[in-house]
Amino acid sequence: LNKTVSEMNPADPTKPVGQKDLALEQSDRVLTLLDRYAGKLADPSTSLKEIYPLVTRIQEEVDLLETSAADVPDEKGVGRFFKDLAITANVAMLKYQRGDFV
């Protein structure tokens, strides 16, 4: 459970990268950043001001995820996963911006 998606299923440089593959890589980045975000929130020695660059990065990555996943069909629930991940990340960022953690 300590591996990222890209470590478990490395990309084959000989295969063309499709929209679904791009969205999977992007979702892996978002999940990794959210994990770091949760760790920083749990650390009492980390101020909310110190977390701000991470929040900005998460927002940028979620925007990229939404763009790359926009045309991915919902086969086996993959499209729904991308949408749910983007919503979860957006809600977390909204809570940060709203000041829920002050």
PDB file of N, CA and C in Angstrom:
ATOM      1  N   LEU A   1       0.810  -1.210   0.000  1.00  0.00           N
ATOM      2  CA  LEU A   1       0.000   0.000   0.000  1.00  0.00           C
ATOM      3  C   LEU A   1       0.843   1.260   0.000  1.00  0.00           C
ATOM      4  N   ASN A   2       2.138   1.116   0.052  1.00  0.00           N
ATOM      5  CA  ASN A   2       3.003   2.288   0.061  1.00  0.00           C
ATOM      6  C   ASN A   2       3.490   2.658  -1.328  1.00  0.00           C
ATOM      7  N   LYS A   3       2.966   2.021  -2.357  1.00  0.00           N
ATOM      8  CA  LYS A   3       3.379   2.322  -3.717  1.00  0.00           C
ATOM      9  C   LYS A   3       2.330   3.183  -4.411  1.00  0.00           C
ATOM     10  N   THR A   4       2.797   4.019  -5.319  1.00  0.00           N
ATOM     11  CA  THR A   4       1.876   4.796  -6.128  1.00  0.00           C
ATOM     12  C   THR A   4       1.453   3.957  -7.323  1.00  0.00           C
ATOM     13  N   VAL A   5       0.432   4.405  -8.025  1.00  0.00           N
ATOM     14  CA  VAL A   5      -0.064   3.678  -9.186  1.00  0.00           C
ATOM     15  C   VAL A   5       1.045   3.522 -10.223  1.00  0.00           C
ATOM     16  N   SER A   6       1.823   4.572 -10.437  1.00  0.00           N
ATOM     17  CA  SER A   6       2.876   4.510 -11.442  1.00  0.00           C
ATOM     18  C   SER A   6       3.979   3.521 -11.071  1.00  0.00           C
ATOM     19  N   GLU A   7       4.185   3.276  -9.786  1.00  0.00           N
ATOM     20  CA  GLU A   7       5.179   2.293  -9.355  1.00  0.00           C
ATOM     21  C   GLU A   7       4.657   0.872  -9.521  1.00  0.00           C
ATOM     22  N   MET A   8       3.369   0.675  -9.305  1.00  0.00           N
ATOM     23  CA  MET A   8       2.774  -0.646  -9.415  1.00  0.00           C
ATOM     24  C   MET A   8       2.549  -1.040 -10.871  1.00  0.00           C
ATOM     25  N   ASN A   9       2.261  -0.069 -11.710  1.00  0.00           N
ATOM     26  CA  ASN A   9       1.981  -0.325 -13.112  1.00  0.00           C
ATOM     27  C   ASN A   9       2.739   0.697 -13.951  1.00  0.00           C
ATOM     28  N   PRO A  10       4.062   0.523 -14.066  1.00  0.00           N
ATOM     29  CA  PRO A  10       4.861   1.520 -14.772  1.00  0.00           C
ATOM     30  C   PRO A  10       4.449   1.649 -16.234  1.00  0.00           C
ATOM     31  N   ALA A  11       4.551   2.875 -16.728  1.00  0.00           N
ATOM     32  CA  ALA A  11       4.177   3.128 -18.117  1.00  0.00           C
ATOM     33  C   ALA A  11       5.172   2.475 -19.064  1.00  0.00           C
ATOM     34  N   ASP A  12       4.632   1.938 -20.114  1.00  0.00           N
ATOM     35  CA  ASP A  12       5.461   1.351 -21.163  1.00  0.00           C
ATOM     36  C   ASP A  12       5.685   2.425 -22.223  1.00  0.00           C
ATOM     37  N   PRO A  13       6.924   2.901 -22.387  1.00  0.00           N
ATOM     38  CA  PRO A  13       7.173   3.997 -23.319  1.00  0.00           C
ATOM     39  C   PRO A  13       6.882   3.644 -24.775  1.00  0.00           C
ATOM     40  N   THR A  14       6.707   2.365 -25.088  1.00  0.00           N
ATOM     41  CA  THR A  14       6.414   1.978 -26.463  1.00  0.00           C
ATOM     42  C   THR A  14       4.929   2.067 -26.784  1.00  0.00           C
ATOM     43  N   LYS A  15       4.082   2.173 -25.762  1.00  0.00           N
ATOM     44  CA  LYS A  15       2.643   2.263 -25.969  1.00  0.00           C
ATOM     45  C   LYS A  15       2.226   3.728 -26.037  1.00  0.00           C
ATOM     46  N   PRO A  16       1.283   4.055 -26.914  1.00  0.00           N
ATOM     47  CA  PRO A  16       0.779   5.432 -26.926  1.00  0.00           C
ATOM     48  C   PRO A  16      -0.037   5.697 -25.663  1.00  0.00           C
ATOM     49  N   VAL A  17       0.093   6.885 -25.161  1.00  0.00           N
ATOM     50  CA  VAL A  17      -0.620   7.249 -23.933  1.00  0.00           C
ATOM     51  C   VAL A  17      -1.986   7.806 -24.315  1.00  0.00           C
ATOM     52  N   GLY A  18      -3.029   7.198 -23.759  1.00  0.00           N
ATOM     53  CA  GLY A  18      -4.385   7.644 -24.031  1.00  0.00           C
ATOM     54  C   GLY A  18      -4.893   8.575 -22.953  1.00  0.00           C
ATOM     55  N   GLN A  19      -6.066   9.094 -23.178  1.00  0.00           N
ATOM     56  CA  GLN A  19      -6.684  10.028 -22.244  1.00  0.00           C
ATOM     57  C   GLN A  19      -6.903   9.368 -20.875  1.00  0.00           C
ATOM     58  N   LYS A  20      -7.309   8.106 -20.890  1.00  0.00           N
ATOM     59  CA  LYS A  20      -7.538   7.383 -19.637  1.00  0.00           C
ATOM     60  C   LYS A  20      -6.229   7.239 -18.863  1.00  0.00           C
ATOM     61  N   ASP A  21      -5.140   6.918 -19.562  1.00  0.00           N
ATOM     62  CA  ASP A  21      -3.835   6.777 -18.903  1.00  0.00           C
ATOM     63  C   ASP A  21      -3.377   8.099 -18.291  1.00  0.00           C
ATOM     64  N   LEU A  22      -3.586   9.188 -19.029  1.00  0.00           N
ATOM     65  CA  LEU A  22      -3.224  10.508 -18.503  1.00  0.00           C
ATOM     66  C   LEU A  22      -4.030  10.823 -17.246  1.00  0.00           C
ATOM     67  N   ALA A  23      -5.321  10.516 -17.282  1.00  0.00           N
ATOM     68  CA  ALA A  23      -6.180  10.774 -16.129  1.00  0.00           C
ATOM     69  C   ALA A  23      -5.777   9.902 -14.934  1.00  0.00           C
ATOM     70  N   LEU A  24      -5.368   8.661 -15.204  1.00  0.00           N
ATOM     71  CA  LEU A  24      -4.906   7.788 -14.117  1.00  0.00           C
ATOM     72  C   LEU A  24      -3.633   8.340 -13.468  1.00  0.00           C
ATOM     73  N   GLU A  25      -2.702   8.799 -14.286  1.00  0.00           N
ATOM     74  CA  GLU A  25      -1.473   9.395 -13.742  1.00  0.00           C
ATOM     75  C   GLU A  25      -1.790  10.657 -12.949  1.00  0.00           C
ATOM     76  N   GLN A  26      -2.703  11.453 -13.478  1.00  0.00           N
ATOM     77  CA  GLN A  26      -3.091  12.688 -12.789  1.00  0.00           C
ATOM     78  C   GLN A  26      -3.784  12.371 -11.464  1.00  0.00           C
ATOM     79  N   SER A  27      -4.629  11.356 -11.448  1.00  0.00           N
ATOM     80  CA  SER A  27      -5.319  10.984 -10.212  1.00  0.00           C
ATOM     81  C   SER A  27      -4.322  10.492  -9.167  1.00  0.00           C
ATOM     82  N   ASP A  28      -3.283   9.803  -9.623  1.00  0.00           N
ATOM     83  CA  ASP A  28      -2.237   9.353  -8.707  1.00  0.00           C
ATOM     84  C   ASP A  28      -1.550  10.555  -8.061  1.00  0.00           C
ATOM     85  N   ARG A  29      -1.275  11.587  -8.859  1.00  0.00           N
ATOM     86  CA  ARG A  29      -0.656  12.804  -8.309  1.00  0.00           C
ATOM     87  C   ARG A  29      -1.572  13.471  -7.288  1.00  0.00           C
ATOM     88  N   VAL A  30      -2.859  13.557  -7.619  1.00  0.00           N
ATOM     89  CA  VAL A  30      -3.816  14.190  -6.695  1.00  0.00           C
ATOM     90  C   VAL A  30      -3.894  13.405  -5.392  1.00  0.00           C
ATOM     91  N   LEU A  31      -3.973  12.083  -5.481  1.00  0.00           N
ATOM     92  CA  LEU A  31      -4.038  11.264  -4.264  1.00  0.00           C
ATOM     93  C   LEU A  31      -2.780  11.417  -3.412  1.00  0.00           C
ATOM     94  N   THR A  32      -1.630  11.453  -4.059  1.00  0.00           N
ATOM     95  CA  THR A  32      -0.368  11.636  -3.329  1.00  0.00           C
ATOM     96  C   THR A  32      -0.344  12.981  -2.620  1.00  0.00           C
ATOM     97  N   LEU A  33      -0.787  14.029  -3.313  1.00  0.00           N
ATOM     98  CA  LEU A  33      -0.813  15.363  -2.709  1.00  0.00           C
ATOM     99  C   LEU A  33      -1.823  15.433  -1.570  1.00  0.00           C
ATOM    100  N   LEU A  34      -2.983  14.789  -1.736  1.00  0.00           N
ATOM    101  CA  LEU A  34      -3.978  14.782  -0.660  1.00  0.00           C
ATOM    102  C   LEU A  34      -3.455  14.046   0.568  1.00  0.00           C
ATOM    103  N   ASP A  35      -2.686  12.996   0.338  1.00  0.00           N
ATOM    104  CA  ASP A  35      -2.081  12.265   1.449  1.00  0.00           C
ATOM    105  C   ASP A  35      -1.099  13.169   2.205  1.00  0.00           C
ATOM    106  N   ARG A  36      -0.279  13.898   1.454  1.00  0.00           N
ATOM    107  CA  ARG A  36       0.651  14.845   2.090  1.00  0.00           C
ATOM    108  C   ARG A  36      -0.105  15.941   2.855  1.00  0.00           C
ATOM    109  N   TYR A  37      -1.183  16.421   2.250  1.00  0.00           N
ATOM    110  CA  TYR A  37      -2.019  17.455   2.857  1.00  0.00           C
ATOM    111  C   TYR A  37      -2.589  16.966   4.189  1.00  0.00           C
ATOM    112  N   ALA A  38      -3.115  15.752   4.202  1.00  0.00           N
ATOM    113  CA  ALA A  38      -3.672  15.189   5.437  1.00  0.00           C
ATOM    114  C   ALA A  38      -2.593  15.059   6.507  1.00  0.00           C
ATOM    115  N   GLY A  39      -1.409  14.648   6.107  1.00  0.00           N
ATOM    116  CA  GLY A  39      -0.307  14.536   7.062  1.00  0.00           C
ATOM    117  C   GLY A  39       0.083  15.879   7.654  1.00  0.00           C
ATOM    118  N   LYS A  40       0.111  16.904   6.816  1.00  0.00           N
ATOM    119  CA  LYS A  40       0.470  18.243   7.308  1.00  0.00           C
ATOM    120  C   LYS A  40      -0.616  18.804   8.226  1.00  0.00           C
ATOM    121  N   LEU A  41      -1.883  18.539   7.894  1.00  0.00           N
ATOM    122  CA  LEU A  41      -2.974  19.001   8.761  1.00  0.00           C
ATOM    123  C   LEU A  41      -2.906  18.325  10.130  1.00  0.00           C
ATOM    124  N   ALA A  42      -2.479  17.095  10.159  1.00  0.00           N
ATOM    125  CA  ALA A  42      -2.402  16.343  11.406  1.00  0.00           C
ATOM    126  C   ALA A  42      -1.192  16.735  12.247  1.00  0.00           C
ATOM    127  N   ASP A  43      -0.226  17.425  11.649  1.00  0.00           N
ATOM    128  CA  ASP A  43       0.996  17.819  12.343  1.00  0.00           C
ATOM    129  C   ASP A  43       0.788  19.173  13.016  1.00  0.00           C
ATOM    130  N   PRO A  44       0.717  19.204  14.345  1.00  0.00           N
ATOM    131  CA  PRO A  44       0.463  20.476  15.034  1.00  0.00           C
ATOM    132  C   PRO A  44       1.586  21.503  14.871  1.00  0.00           C
ATOM    133  N   SER A  45       2.755  21.072  14.461  1.00  0.00           N
ATOM    134  CA  SER A  45       3.854  22.027  14.288  1.00  0.00           C
ATOM    135  C   SER A  45       3.810  22.720  12.919  1.00  0.00           C
ATOM    136  N   THR A  46       2.912  22.290  12.035  1.00  0.00           N
ATOM    137  CA  THR A  46       2.785  22.896  10.711  1.00  0.00           C
ATOM    138  C   THR A  46       1.642  23.895  10.721  1.00  0.00           C
ATOM    139  N   SER A  47       1.945  25.132  10.354  1.00  0.00           N
ATOM    140  CA  SER A  47       0.905  26.171  10.326  1.00  0.00           C
ATOM    141  C   SER A  47       0.113  26.083   9.026  1.00  0.00           C
ATOM    142  N   LEU A  48      -1.086  26.644   9.051  1.00  0.00           N
ATOM    143  CA  LEU A  48      -1.913  26.661   7.850  1.00  0.00           C
ATOM    144  C   LEU A  48      -1.255  27.489   6.745  1.00  0.00           C
ATOM    145  N   LYS A  49      -0.506  28.487   7.142  1.00  0.00           N
ATOM    146  CA  LYS A  49       0.215  29.315   6.173  1.00  0.00           C
ATOM    147  C   LYS A  49       1.263  28.485   5.432  1.00  0.00           C
ATOM    148  N   GLU A  50       1.902  27.561   6.130  1.00  0.00           N
ATOM    149  CA  GLU A  50       2.904  26.690   5.513  1.00  0.00           C
ATOM    150  C   GLU A  50       2.276  25.693   4.535  1.00  0.00           C
ATOM    151  N   ILE A  51       1.005  25.381   4.742  1.00  0.00           N
ATOM    152  CA  ILE A  51       0.300  24.416   3.903  1.00  0.00           C
ATOM    153  C   ILE A  51      -0.195  25.056   2.607  1.00  0.00           C
ATOM    154  N   TYR A  52      -0.290  26.371   2.578  1.00  0.00           N
ATOM    155  CA  TYR A  52      -0.883  27.058   1.432  1.00  0.00           C
ATOM    156  C   TYR A  52      -0.270  26.667   0.079  1.00  0.00           C
ATOM    157  N   PRO A  53       1.061  26.585  -0.064  1.00  0.00           N
ATOM    158  CA  PRO A  53       1.605  26.176  -1.372  1.00  0.00           C
ATOM    159  C   PRO A  53       1.137  24.783  -1.804  1.00  0.00           C
ATOM    160  N   LEU A  54       0.951  23.894  -0.851  1.00  0.00           N
ATOM    161  CA  LEU A  54       0.454  22.558  -1.156  1.00  0.00           C
ATOM    162  C   LEU A  54      -1.003  22.633  -1.626  1.00  0.00           C
ATOM    163  N   VAL A  55      -1.789  23.480  -0.987  1.00  0.00           N
ATOM    164  CA  VAL A  55      -3.187  23.668  -1.379  1.00  0.00           C
ATOM    165  C   VAL A  55      -3.268  24.191  -2.812  1.00  0.00           C
ATOM    166  N   THR A  56      -2.428  25.146  -3.130  1.00  0.00           N
ATOM    167  CA  THR A  56      -2.392  25.695  -4.486  1.00  0.00           C
ATOM    168  C   THR A  56      -2.027  24.612  -5.493  1.00  0.00           C
ATOM    169  N   ARG A  57      -1.059  23.805  -5.156  1.00  0.00           N
ATOM    170  CA  ARG A  57      -0.624  22.718  -6.042  1.00  0.00           C
ATOM    171  C   ARG A  57      -1.738  21.700  -6.247  1.00  0.00           C
ATOM    172  N   ILE A  58      -2.446  21.371  -5.166  1.00  0.00           N
ATOM    173  CA  ILE A  58      -3.564  20.423  -5.280  1.00  0.00           C
ATOM    174  C   ILE A  58      -4.628  20.979  -6.222  1.00  0.00           C
ATOM    175  N   GLN A  59      -4.941  22.260  -6.075  1.00  0.00           N
ATOM    176  CA  GLN A  59      -5.952  22.867  -6.943  1.00  0.00           C
ATOM    177  C   GLN A  59      -5.529  22.802  -8.414  1.00  0.00           C
ATOM    178  N   GLU A  60      -4.268  23.062  -8.681  1.00  0.00           N
ATOM    179  CA  GLU A  60      -3.757  22.996 -10.052  1.00  0.00           C
ATOM    180  C   GLU A  60      -3.854  21.571 -10.603  1.00  0.00           C
ATOM    181  N   GLU A  61      -3.467  20.607  -9.784  1.00  0.00           N
ATOM    182  CA  GLU A  61      -3.495  19.210 -10.225  1.00  0.00           C
ATOM    183  C   GLU A  61      -4.928  18.714 -10.441  1.00  0.00           C
ATOM    184  N   VAL A  62      -5.857  19.164  -9.607  1.00  0.00           N
ATOM    185  CA  VAL A  62      -7.268  18.773  -9.774  1.00  0.00           C
ATOM    186  C   VAL A  62      -7.807  19.360 -11.082  1.00  0.00           C
ATOM    187  N   ASP A  63      -7.428  20.596 -11.378  1.00  0.00           N
ATOM    188  CA  ASP A  63      -7.849  21.192 -12.653  1.00  0.00           C
ATOM    189  C   ASP A  63      -7.343  20.361 -13.832  1.00  0.00           C
ATOM    190  N   LEU A  64      -6.093  19.926 -13.751  1.00  0.00           N
ATOM    191  CA  LEU A  64      -5.528  19.078 -14.808  1.00  0.00           C
ATOM    192  C   LEU A  64      -6.244  17.726 -14.878  1.00  0.00           C
ATOM    193  N   LEU A  65      -6.586  17.178 -13.714  1.00  0.00           N
ATOM    194  CA  LEU A  65      -7.319  15.910 -13.678  1.00  0.00           C
ATOM    195  C   LEU A  65      -8.674  16.057 -14.357  1.00  0.00           C
ATOM    196  N   GLU A  66      -9.375  17.117 -14.022  1.00  0.00           N
ATOM    197  CA  GLU A  66     -10.700  17.322 -14.611  1.00  0.00           C
ATOM    198  C   GLU A  66     -10.601  17.476 -16.135  1.00  0.00           C
ATOM    199  N   THR A  67      -9.565  18.144 -16.600  1.00  0.00           N
ATOM    200  CA  THR A  67      -9.368  18.312 -18.038  1.00  0.00           C
ATOM    201  C   THR A  67      -9.042  16.982 -18.707  1.00  0.00           C
ATOM    202  N   SER A  68      -8.120  16.234 -18.117  1.00  0.00           N
ATOM    203  CA  SER A  68      -7.709  14.972 -18.738  1.00  0.00           C
ATOM    204  C   SER A  68      -8.788  13.897 -18.638  1.00  0.00           C
ATOM    205  N   ALA A  69      -9.658  13.984 -17.641  1.00  0.00           N
ATOM    206  CA  ALA A  69     -10.695  12.967 -17.452  1.00  0.00           C
ATOM    207  C   ALA A  69     -12.016  13.317 -18.133  1.00  0.00           C
ATOM    208  N   ALA A  70     -12.104  14.508 -18.699  1.00  0.00           N
ATOM    209  CA  ALA A  70     -13.376  14.972 -19.254  1.00  0.00           C
ATOM    210  C   ALA A  70     -13.936  14.045 -20.331  1.00  0.00           C
ATOM    211  N   ASP A  71     -13.076  13.481 -21.149  1.00  0.00           N
ATOM    212  CA  ASP A  71     -13.547  12.650 -22.259  1.00  0.00           C
ATOM    213  C   ASP A  71     -13.363  11.152 -22.032  1.00  0.00           C
ATOM    214  N   VAL A  72     -13.045  10.768 -20.796  1.00  0.00           N
ATOM    215  CA  VAL A  72     -12.856   9.349 -20.498  1.00  0.00           C
ATOM    216  C   VAL A  72     -14.223   8.707 -20.260  1.00  0.00           C
ATOM    217  N   PRO A  73     -14.541   7.647 -21.014  1.00  0.00           N
ATOM    218  CA  PRO A  73     -15.829   6.975 -20.796  1.00  0.00           C
ATOM    219  C   PRO A  73     -15.859   6.292 -19.429  1.00  0.00           C
ATOM    220  N   ASP A  74     -17.051   6.130 -18.911  1.00  0.00           N
ATOM    221  CA  ASP A  74     -17.205   5.558 -17.573  1.00  0.00           C
ATOM    222  C   ASP A  74     -17.246   4.034 -17.634  1.00  0.00           C
ATOM    223  N   GLU A  75     -16.199   3.438 -18.184  1.00  0.00           N
ATOM    224  CA  GLU A  75     -16.140   1.986 -18.226  1.00  0.00           C
ATOM    225  C   GLU A  75     -15.637   1.465 -16.888  1.00  0.00           C
ATOM    226  N   LYS A  76     -16.370   0.533 -16.340  1.00  0.00           N
ATOM    227  CA  LYS A  76     -16.032  -0.083 -15.050  1.00  0.00           C
ATOM    228  C   LYS A  76     -15.901   0.952 -13.934  1.00  0.00           C
ATOM    229  N   GLY A  77     -16.591   2.069 -14.044  1.00  0.00           N
ATOM    230  CA  GLY A  77     -16.596   3.071 -12.983  1.00  0.00           C
ATOM    231  C   GLY A  77     -15.379   3.975 -12.940  1.00  0.00           C
ATOM    232  N   VAL A  78     -14.497   3.876 -13.937  1.00  0.00           N
ATOM    233  CA  VAL A  78     -13.275   4.681 -13.930  1.00  0.00           C
ATOM    234  C   VAL A  78     -13.600   6.166 -14.056  1.00  0.00           C
ATOM    235  N   GLY A  79     -14.492   6.506 -14.971  1.00  0.00           N
ATOM    236  CA  GLY A  79     -14.881   7.909 -15.138  1.00  0.00           C
ATOM    237  C   GLY A  79     -15.475   8.468 -13.862  1.00  0.00           C
ATOM    238  N   ARG A  80     -16.292   7.657 -13.209  1.00  0.00           N
ATOM    239  CA  ARG A  80     -16.906   8.085 -11.942  1.00  0.00           C
ATOM    240  C   ARG A  80     -15.839   8.288 -10.867  1.00  0.00           C
ATOM    241  N   PHE A  81     -14.815   7.434 -10.849  1.00  0.00           N
ATOM    242  CA  PHE A  81     -13.712   7.581  -9.894  1.00  0.00           C
ATOM    243  C   PHE A  81     -13.031   8.928 -10.063  1.00  0.00           C
ATOM    244  N   PHE A  82     -12.750   9.309 -11.316  1.00  0.00           N
ATOM    245  CA  PHE A  82     -12.091  10.596 -11.568  1.00  0.00           C
ATOM    246  C   PHE A  82     -12.947  11.751 -11.060  1.00  0.00           C
ATOM    247  N   LYS A  83     -14.239  11.686 -11.327  1.00  0.00           N
ATOM    248  CA  LYS A  83     -15.146  12.754 -10.883  1.00  0.00           C
ATOM    249  C   LYS A  83     -15.218  12.802  -9.361  1.00  0.00           C
ATOM    250  N   ASP A  84     -15.341  11.642  -8.722  1.00  0.00           N
ATOM    251  CA  ASP A  84     -15.415  11.594  -7.258  1.00  0.00           C
ATOM    252  C   ASP A  84     -14.129  12.111  -6.611  1.00  0.00           C
ATOM    253  N   LEU A  85     -12.988  11.763  -7.186  1.00  0.00           N
ATOM    254  CA  LEU A  85     -11.710  12.245  -6.662  1.00  0.00           C
ATOM    255  C   LEU A  85     -11.618  13.761  -6.777  1.00  0.00           C
ATOM    256  N   ALA A  86     -12.015  14.298  -7.919  1.00  0.00           N
ATOM    257  CA  ALA A  86     -11.979  15.755  -8.107  1.00  0.00           C
ATOM    258  C   ALA A  86     -12.910  16.446  -7.111  1.00  0.00           C
ATOM    259  N   ILE A  87     -14.083  15.892  -6.895  1.00  0.00           N
ATOM    260  CA  ILE A  87     -15.028  16.482  -5.931  1.00  0.00           C
ATOM    261  C   ILE A  87     -14.456  16.435  -4.525  1.00  0.00           C
ATOM    262  N   THR A  88     -13.905  15.299  -4.138  1.00  0.00           N
ATOM    263  CA  THR A  88     -13.324  15.157  -2.796  1.00  0.00           C
ATOM    264  C   THR A  88     -12.205  16.165  -2.575  1.00  0.00           C
ATOM    265  N   ALA A  89     -11.325  16.294  -3.561  1.00  0.00           N
ATOM    266  CA  ALA A  89     -10.212  17.246  -3.444  1.00  0.00           C
ATOM    267  C   ALA A  89     -10.727  18.680  -3.401  1.00  0.00           C
ATOM    268  N   ASN A  90     -11.708  18.998  -4.224  1.00  0.00           N
ATOM    269  CA  ASN A  90     -12.262  20.354  -4.229  1.00  0.00           C
ATOM    270  C   ASN A  90     -12.929  20.697  -2.898  1.00  0.00           C
ATOM    271  N   VAL A  91     -13.610  19.730  -2.312  1.00  0.00           N
ATOM    272  CA  VAL A  91     -14.241  19.959  -1.003  1.00  0.00           C
ATOM    273  C   VAL A  91     -13.165  20.206   0.062  1.00  0.00           C
ATOM    274  N   ALA A  92     -12.099  19.431   0.032  1.00  0.00           N
ATOM    275  CA  ALA A  92     -11.006  19.623   0.995  1.00  0.00           C
ATOM    276  C   ALA A  92     -10.389  21.005   0.842  1.00  0.00           C
ATOM    277  N   MET A  93     -10.197  21.455  -0.394  1.00  0.00           N
ATOM    278  CA  MET A  93      -9.605  22.771  -0.630  1.00  0.00           C
ATOM    279  C   MET A  93     -10.566  23.885  -0.224  1.00  0.00           C
ATOM    280  N   LEU A  94     -11.856  23.670  -0.438  1.00  0.00           N
ATOM    281  CA  LEU A  94     -12.863  24.640  -0.022  1.00  0.00           C
ATOM    282  C   LEU A  94     -12.868  24.787   1.502  1.00  0.00           C
ATOM    283  N   LYS A  95     -12.762  23.678   2.204  1.00  0.00           N
ATOM    284  CA  LYS A  95     -12.715  23.724   3.671  1.00  0.00           C
ATOM    285  C   LYS A  95     -11.486  24.489   4.152  1.00  0.00           C
ATOM    286  N   TYR A  96     -10.367  24.308   3.467  1.00  0.00           N
ATOM    287  CA  TYR A  96      -9.151  25.052   3.821  1.00  0.00           C
ATOM    288  C   TYR A  96      -9.376  26.546   3.609  1.00  0.00           C
ATOM    289  N   GLN A  97      -9.892  26.907   2.430  1.00  0.00           N
ATOM    290  CA  GLN A  97     -10.102  28.311   2.105  1.00  0.00           C
ATOM    291  C   GLN A  97     -11.152  28.957   3.001  1.00  0.00           C
ATOM    292  N   ARG A  98     -12.127  28.189   3.409  1.00  0.00           N
ATOM    293  CA  ARG A  98     -13.205  28.699   4.256  1.00  0.00           C
ATOM    294  C   ARG A  98     -12.736  28.889   5.695  1.00  0.00           C
ATOM    295  N   GLY A  99     -11.628  28.236   6.053  1.00  0.00           N
ATOM    296  CA  GLY A  99     -11.088  28.397   7.393  1.00  0.00           C
ATOM    297  C   GLY A  99     -11.579  27.366   8.387  1.00  0.00           C
ATOM    298  N   ASP A 100     -12.012  26.217   7.920  1.00  0.00           N
ATOM    299  CA  ASP A 100     -12.515  25.181   8.822  1.00  0.00           C
ATOM    300  C   ASP A 100     -11.454  24.657   9.774  1.00  0.00           C
ATOM    301  N   PHE A 101     -10.190  24.856   9.469  1.00  0.00           N
ATOM    302  CA  PHE A 101      -9.118  24.281  10.275  1.00  0.00           C
ATOM    303  C   PHE A 101      -8.441  25.294  11.186  1.00  0.00           C
ATOM    304  N   VAL A 102      -9.026  26.473  11.298  1.00  0.00           N
ATOM    305  CA  VAL A 102      -8.439  27.513  12.161  1.00  0.00           C
ATOM    306  C   VAL A 102      -8.759  27.222  13.592  1.00  0.00           C
TER     307      VAL A 102
END
